[in-house]
Amino acid sequence: MAVVLSLASATAEARTVRDEPYSMETTWNAAVRLVRIDMGLPILERDQEMGFFTFTYREGSRSVPGSMEMVRTEVDGRPGARIIVQIPLMPTYVESLILTRLARKLRSEFGEPPPPVVRRPAPPPANPSDGTPDRRPGDPEPPSTPAPGGNNPSTPPSGGEPSNNRRERSINPAGPEV
């Protein structure tokens, strides 16, 4: 009995999620047409305002309940839709198949989505009042003018070139700034 309950609870949690870079309205219309027209599955209940519909998934003589939910989100810097498909009594590859078919339908009917928005960090504010060049925290000290007698503190003792830490600084370990 415990095994049956654990399996039932495991399948009830199954769901597959994908983000699409198309508007909520475009995605909703394509999803309803995919399920109802292309796949020929009956839609039992739908609420566009809440962003979900339920349907009966049929495979051979077997019919099981399923649902599709859509949530507004941001994809690649643009408004998009997160699609959640749940057919708890079927393997997850069935949910993935539906999402793959929806992605193909969106691209074939509405074309490729626009390229992602590239966000660049804002430059630091200029500070002309103190006469020092603009620097970010963690930047190396600017090279100083060579001291008389050829003793340059920015030259390493080996006589090689001074290191350029600016390339290493361009990688932001905290992730992209928004």
Protein backbone atom coordinates (compact mmCIF):
# COMPACT_ATOMS: atom_id res chain seq x y z
CA MET A 1 0.00 0.00 0.00
CA ALA A 2 2.84 2.41 0.88
CA VAL A 3 4.47 1.78 -2.51
CA VAL A 4 1.25 2.64 -4.33
CA LEU A 5 0.87 5.89 -2.36
CA SER A 6 4.48 6.91 -3.00
CA LEU A 7 4.09 6.26 -6.74
CA ALA A 8 0.82 8.21 -6.86
CA SER A 9 2.37 11.19 -5.12
CA ALA A 10 5.41 11.08 -7.43
CA THR A 11 3.28 11.18 -10.58
CA ALA A 12 1.08 13.96 -9.22
CA GLU A 13 4.15 16.21 -9.03
CA ALA A 14 5.13 15.65 -12.69
CA ARG A 15 5.15 18.68 -14.90
CA THR A 16 7.26 20.08 -17.70
CA VAL A 17 8.07 23.77 -18.09
CA ARG A 18 9.41 25.84 -21.00
CA ASP A 19 9.80 29.58 -21.54
CA GLU A 20 8.91 30.99 -24.96
CA PRO A 21 9.94 34.46 -26.19
CA TYR A 22 6.50 35.22 -27.67
CA SER A 23 3.80 37.34 -26.07
CA MET A 24 1.31 35.75 -23.71
CA GLU A 25 -1.57 36.27 -26.16
CA THR A 26 0.34 34.76 -29.09
CA THR A 27 1.41 31.77 -27.03
CA TRP A 28 -2.10 31.24 -25.62
CA ASN A 29 -3.73 31.22 -29.06
CA ALA A 30 -1.10 28.87 -30.51
CA ALA A 31 -1.39 26.48 -27.54
CA VAL A 32 -5.18 26.27 -27.74
CA ARG A 33 -5.03 25.65 -31.51
CA LEU A 34 -2.30 23.03 -31.05
CA VAL A 35 -4.24 21.02 -28.49
CA ARG A 36 -7.73 21.42 -29.98
CA ILE A 37 -7.10 21.52 -33.75
CA ASP A 38 -3.69 19.95 -34.44
CA MET A 39 -3.85 17.20 -31.81
CA GLY A 40 -7.65 16.84 -31.86
CA LEU A 41 -7.93 16.72 -28.06
CA PRO A 42 -11.05 18.02 -26.30
CA ILE A 43 -10.58 21.10 -24.13
CA LEU A 44 -12.69 20.73 -21.00
CA GLU A 45 -12.22 24.10 -19.32
CA ARG A 46 -10.33 27.25 -20.24
CA ASP A 47 -9.71 30.61 -18.64
CA GLN A 48 -7.48 32.94 -20.64
CA GLU A 49 -7.49 35.58 -17.91
CA MET A 50 -6.08 33.08 -15.40
CA GLY A 51 -3.88 31.53 -18.11
CA PHE A 52 -4.83 27.84 -18.07
CA PHE A 53 -6.89 25.21 -19.79
CA THR A 54 -7.58 21.56 -19.13
CA PHE A 55 -7.88 18.86 -21.76
CA THR A 56 -8.19 15.12 -22.16
CA TYR A 57 -5.04 13.52 -23.55
CA ARG A 58 -5.80 10.46 -25.66
CA GLU A 59 -3.37 7.73 -26.57
CA GLY A 60 -4.95 4.71 -28.20
CA SER A 61 -7.94 3.74 -26.09
CA ARG A 62 -6.55 5.46 -23.00
CA SER A 63 -7.81 8.94 -22.01
CA VAL A 64 -6.20 10.89 -19.16
CA PRO A 65 -6.62 14.45 -17.85
CA GLY A 66 -4.03 17.10 -18.63
CA SER A 67 -3.56 20.83 -18.19
CA MET A 68 -1.58 23.67 -19.70
CA GLU A 69 -0.84 26.83 -17.76
CA MET A 70 0.78 30.04 -19.02
CA VAL A 71 2.40 32.75 -16.93
CA ARG A 72 3.76 36.08 -18.12
CA THR A 73 7.52 36.25 -17.74
CA GLU A 74 10.60 37.85 -19.27
CA VAL A 75 12.60 35.84 -21.79
CA ASP A 76 15.87 37.23 -23.17
CA GLY A 77 14.97 40.71 -21.95
CA ARG A 78 11.54 40.77 -23.61
CA PRO A 79 8.02 39.88 -22.46
CA GLY A 80 7.38 36.18 -22.92
CA ALA A 81 5.38 33.27 -21.57
CA ARG A 82 6.25 30.36 -19.28
CA ILE A 83 4.28 27.28 -20.32
CA ILE A 84 3.63 24.50 -17.81
CA VAL A 85 2.19 21.22 -19.08
CA GLN A 86 0.94 18.56 -16.68
CA ILE A 87 -0.30 15.10 -17.62
CA PRO A 88 0.33 13.28 -14.34
CA LEU A 89 -0.73 9.81 -15.52
CA MET A 90 1.62 9.79 -18.52
CA PRO A 91 5.44 9.75 -18.76
CA THR A 92 7.09 13.18 -18.81
CA TYR A 93 8.23 12.73 -22.40
CA VAL A 94 4.57 13.26 -23.45
CA GLU A 95 4.60 16.69 -21.79
CA SER A 96 7.94 17.48 -23.45
CA LEU A 97 6.55 16.39 -26.82
CA ILE A 98 3.63 18.81 -26.49
CA LEU A 99 5.98 21.68 -25.57
CA THR A 100 8.26 20.85 -28.50
CA ARG A 101 5.30 20.84 -30.88
CA LEU A 102 4.16 24.19 -29.46
CA ALA A 103 7.63 25.69 -29.96
CA ARG A 104 7.67 24.49 -33.59
CA LYS A 105 4.17 25.86 -34.16
CA LEU A 106 5.10 29.28 -32.76
CA ARG A 107 8.20 29.50 -34.95
CA SER A 108 6.47 28.29 -38.11
CA GLU A 109 3.48 30.62 -37.71
CA PHE A 110 5.13 33.71 -36.23
CA GLY A 111 8.75 33.42 -37.35
CA GLU A 112 11.88 33.35 -35.26
CA PRO A 113 11.71 35.53 -32.16
CA PRO A 114 13.78 38.72 -32.16
CA PRO A 115 17.36 38.36 -30.86
CA PRO A 116 17.91 38.73 -27.10
CA VAL A 117 18.27 42.19 -25.64
CA VAL A 118 21.90 42.87 -24.78
CA ARG A 119 22.16 44.77 -21.54
CA ARG A 120 25.37 46.57 -20.81
CA PRO A 121 26.20 47.91 -17.38
CA ALA A 122 25.90 51.65 -17.01
CA PRO A 123 29.25 53.44 -16.94
CA PRO A 124 30.28 54.74 -13.53
CA PRO A 125 29.49 58.40 -12.93
CA ALA A 126 32.30 60.81 -13.72
CA ASN A 127 33.91 62.44 -10.70
CA PRO A 128 35.67 65.55 -12.12
CA SER A 129 35.72 67.35 -8.77
CA ASP A 130 38.74 65.53 -7.31
CA GLY A 131 40.78 65.35 -10.53
CA THR A 132 41.31 61.57 -10.36
CA PRO A 133 40.42 59.35 -13.31
CA ASP A 134 37.24 57.27 -13.14
CA ARG A 135 37.88 53.93 -11.44
CA ARG A 136 35.70 51.09 -10.27
CA PRO A 137 36.29 49.25 -7.00
CA GLY A 138 38.87 46.55 -7.59
CA ASP A 139 40.58 48.31 -10.50
CA PRO A 140 44.36 48.30 -10.31
CA GLU A 141 46.12 51.51 -9.42
CA PRO A 142 46.86 53.64 -12.48
CA PRO A 143 50.52 53.60 -13.54
CA SER A 144 52.48 56.38 -11.94
CA THR A 145 55.02 58.47 -13.78
CA PRO A 146 58.48 56.91 -13.70
CA ALA A 147 60.66 58.11 -10.89
CA PRO A 148 63.86 59.88 -11.84
CA GLY A 149 66.68 57.40 -12.27
CA GLY A 150 64.61 54.83 -14.21
CA ASN A 151 63.09 53.10 -11.17
CA ASN A 152 59.52 52.48 -12.31
CA PRO A 153 57.35 50.90 -9.57
CA SER A 154 54.84 49.52 -12.11
CA THR A 155 57.48 47.40 -13.86
CA PRO A 156 57.82 43.96 -12.32
CA PRO A 157 61.22 43.02 -10.93
CA SER A 158 61.75 40.54 -13.78
CA GLY A 159 61.85 43.45 -16.19
CA GLY A 160 58.75 42.25 -18.09
CA GLU A 161 55.67 44.21 -19.03
CA PRO A 162 53.35 45.46 -16.28
CA SER A 163 50.26 43.29 -15.89
CA ASN A 164 46.99 44.46 -17.39
CA ASN A 165 44.27 43.49 -14.94
CA ARG A 166 41.53 45.26 -16.90
CA ARG A 167 40.84 42.17 -19.06
CA GLU A 168 40.34 40.02 -16.00
CA ARG A 169 38.06 42.63 -14.44
CA SER A 170 35.64 42.49 -17.39
CA ILE A 171 34.31 39.14 -16.13
CA ASN A 172 31.72 39.75 -13.46
CA PRO A 173 31.63 36.74 -11.11
CA ALA A 174 28.28 37.89 -9.67
CA GLY A 175 26.60 37.50 -13.07
CA PRO A 176 25.27 40.12 -15.47
CA GLU A 177 24.12 43.38 -14.04
CA VAL A 178 20.47 44.17 -14.63
